[in-house]
Amino acid sequence: MKKIGIFKKRDPKGHFVAYKAFREDPEKNPLKTPSGKIEIYSEALAKIAQTWELEEDDVIHPLPIYHAGFNGVDDPKRKDYPFQMIGFHYKARTHSSYGNVDILVLLAFILLFFFLLLCLFLVLYHPPRCRQNRSSDYSVVYNEQNNHCVFI
């Protein structure tokens, strides 16, 4: 595989088109929705939103909307917990088939380097009230669920 490079095989049926029959003739090939068409507004979700008892932060909306959810960037808890810990999952490992593609692995390490630089910048230049330790200290980063020991 390394000698020939990346191998691509074309589909003899042509490019895949989602809902091809519906797109060609929506009247003869309706979708499995109440209207038989692509629906942006969901009457079923509207009924659920009116009848279900939800927690204060839970949202069911009949339209596709942005809802921040919990522990996100705009969560009010950010005042008490200003840092977010995230993991790095590079493109070469999104599927095992890509794990041996040298250029993707090399690109992943370059991106990881810049990602770590960004993290270092965010930690070092965060407001002083949030970082009272010096460089090369261990810090305990915590939230209401658990804590982690981090080397800064």
Protein backbone atom coordinates (compact mmCIF):
# COMPACT_ATOMS: atom_id res chain seq x y z
CA MET A 1 0.00 0.00 0.00
CA LYS A 2 2.81 2.44 0.82
CA LYS A 3 4.40 1.87 -2.61
CA ILE A 4 1.30 2.77 -4.63
CA GLY A 5 -0.01 5.50 -2.34
CA ILE A 6 -3.66 6.14 -1.56
CA PHE A 7 -5.93 3.95 -3.65
CA LYS A 8 -9.29 5.30 -4.80
CA LYS A 9 -12.00 3.23 -6.42
CA ARG A 10 -14.92 4.89 -8.16
CA ASP A 11 -18.44 3.60 -7.63
CA PRO A 12 -19.72 2.20 -10.96
CA LYS A 13 -23.23 3.46 -10.07
CA GLY A 14 -21.92 7.02 -9.92
CA HIS A 15 -21.84 9.54 -7.09
CA PHE A 16 -24.15 8.71 -4.18
CA VAL A 17 -27.07 11.13 -3.81
CA ALA A 18 -29.10 10.98 -0.62
CA TYR A 19 -32.85 10.67 -1.20
CA LYS A 20 -32.24 10.42 -4.94
CA ALA A 21 -35.73 9.10 -5.78
CA PHE A 22 -37.35 11.83 -3.69
CA ARG A 23 -35.27 14.51 -5.35
CA GLU A 24 -36.17 13.25 -8.81
CA ASP A 25 -39.92 13.01 -8.11
CA PRO A 26 -41.13 14.07 -4.63
CA GLU A 27 -44.78 13.30 -5.45
CA LYS A 28 -44.16 9.65 -6.37
CA ASN A 29 -41.48 9.08 -3.71
CA PRO A 30 -42.57 10.83 -0.50
CA LEU A 31 -40.42 10.72 2.62
CA LYS A 32 -41.55 9.05 5.85
CA THR A 33 -42.57 12.35 7.42
CA PRO A 34 -46.14 13.57 8.08
CA SER A 35 -46.03 15.81 5.00
CA GLY A 36 -43.95 13.43 2.87
CA LYS A 37 -41.41 16.22 2.37
CA ILE A 38 -38.27 17.43 4.11
CA GLU A 39 -39.52 19.13 7.26
CA ILE A 40 -37.79 21.92 9.11
CA TYR A 41 -40.61 22.50 11.59
CA SER A 42 -41.64 19.35 13.49
CA GLU A 43 -45.22 19.21 14.74
CA ALA A 44 -44.35 16.06 16.71
CA LEU A 45 -41.59 17.91 18.58
CA ALA A 46 -43.93 20.86 19.13
CA LYS A 47 -46.43 18.54 20.85
CA ILE A 48 -43.69 16.97 22.95
CA ALA A 49 -42.40 20.42 23.96
CA GLN A 50 -45.90 21.42 25.11
CA THR A 51 -46.77 18.24 26.98
CA TRP A 52 -43.55 16.97 28.56
CA GLU A 53 -42.26 18.28 31.88
CA LEU A 54 -38.62 19.16 31.33
CA GLU A 55 -35.80 20.15 33.63
CA GLU A 56 -35.00 23.86 33.72
CA ASP A 57 -32.06 23.64 31.28
CA ASP A 58 -33.59 21.05 28.92
CA VAL A 59 -35.04 22.26 25.63
CA ILE A 60 -37.15 20.55 22.99
CA HIS A 61 -37.91 22.89 20.12
CA PRO A 62 -39.83 22.21 16.89
CA LEU A 63 -37.27 24.19 14.87
CA PRO A 64 -33.54 23.50 14.65
CA ILE A 65 -32.12 26.00 17.14
CA TYR A 66 -28.86 26.49 18.99
CA HIS A 67 -29.02 25.46 22.62
CA ALA A 68 -25.81 25.71 24.60
CA GLY A 69 -26.42 22.68 26.77
CA PHE A 70 -24.44 22.11 29.95
CA ASN A 71 -20.78 22.72 30.81
CA GLY A 72 -20.27 24.59 27.55
CA VAL A 73 -18.47 27.79 26.74
CA ASP A 74 -21.38 30.02 27.72
CA ASP A 75 -22.41 28.09 30.83
CA PRO A 76 -22.72 30.34 33.93
CA LYS A 77 -20.46 27.86 35.78
CA ARG A 78 -17.53 29.32 33.81
CA LYS A 79 -17.25 31.96 36.55
CA ASP A 80 -16.33 29.23 39.04
CA TYR A 81 -14.62 26.88 36.55
CA PRO A 82 -12.87 29.07 33.92
CA PHE A 83 -10.84 26.31 32.24
CA GLN A 84 -12.10 23.59 29.93
CA MET A 85 -10.19 20.35 29.50
CA ILE A 86 -10.48 18.85 26.05
CA GLY A 87 -8.84 15.95 24.30
CA PHE A 88 -7.10 15.86 20.96
CA HIS A 89 -8.21 13.22 18.43
CA TYR A 90 -6.35 13.76 15.20
CA LYS A 91 -7.69 13.03 11.70
CA ALA A 92 -5.47 10.00 11.07
CA ARG A 93 -7.20 8.19 13.92
CA THR A 94 -10.80 8.94 13.02
CA HIS A 95 -10.78 5.55 11.31
CA SER A 96 -8.24 2.76 11.60
CA SER A 97 -7.73 2.76 7.81
CA TYR A 98 -6.08 6.18 8.02
CA GLY A 99 -3.73 5.32 10.88
CA ASN A 100 -0.93 4.21 8.54
CA VAL A 101 -1.09 7.10 6.07
CA ASP A 102 2.22 8.81 6.72
CA ILE A 103 1.22 12.29 5.58
CA LEU A 104 -1.84 12.28 7.87
CA VAL A 105 0.24 11.15 10.84
CA LEU A 106 2.84 13.85 10.16
CA LEU A 107 0.12 16.48 9.78
CA ALA A 108 -1.42 15.28 13.04
CA PHE A 109 1.79 15.86 14.97
CA ILE A 110 2.17 19.32 13.46
CA LEU A 111 -1.43 20.16 14.44
CA LEU A 112 -0.87 18.68 17.90
CA PHE A 113 2.17 20.95 18.34
CA PHE A 114 0.13 24.05 17.50
CA PHE A 115 -2.74 22.82 19.67
CA LEU A 116 -0.37 22.49 22.64
CA LEU A 117 1.04 25.95 21.96
CA LEU A 118 -2.49 27.33 21.99
CA CYS A 119 -3.22 25.56 25.28
CA LEU A 120 -0.02 26.92 26.80
CA PHE A 121 -0.90 30.43 25.62
CA LEU A 122 -4.39 30.18 27.12
CA VAL A 123 -3.03 28.99 30.46
CA LEU A 124 -0.18 31.50 30.70
CA TYR A 125 -2.19 34.53 29.60
CA HIS A 126 -5.36 33.74 31.48
CA PRO A 127 -6.32 36.39 34.06
CA PRO A 128 -4.06 36.20 37.13
CA ARG A 129 -6.92 35.41 39.53
CA CYS A 130 -7.30 32.05 37.77
CA ARG A 131 -3.63 31.10 37.66
CA GLN A 132 -1.75 31.80 40.82
CA ASN A 133 0.96 29.24 40.21
CA ARG A 134 4.23 29.56 38.42
CA SER A 135 5.35 27.69 35.33
CA SER A 136 6.43 24.06 36.01
CA ASP A 137 3.91 23.67 38.86
CA TYR A 138 1.36 20.94 39.21
CA SER A 139 -2.20 22.19 39.40
CA VAL A 140 -5.42 20.51 40.29
CA VAL A 141 -8.12 21.35 37.79
CA TYR A 142 -11.56 20.40 39.06
CA ASN A 143 -15.28 20.72 38.59
CA GLU A 144 -18.24 19.34 40.52
CA GLN A 145 -17.72 15.86 39.03
CA ASN A 146 -14.01 15.15 39.56
CA ASN A 147 -10.48 16.56 39.46
CA HIS A 148 -7.31 16.10 37.41
CA CYS A 149 -3.68 16.84 38.12
CA VAL A 150 -2.18 18.96 35.35
CA PHE A 151 1.44 19.96 34.75
CA ILE A 152 1.63 23.62 33.76
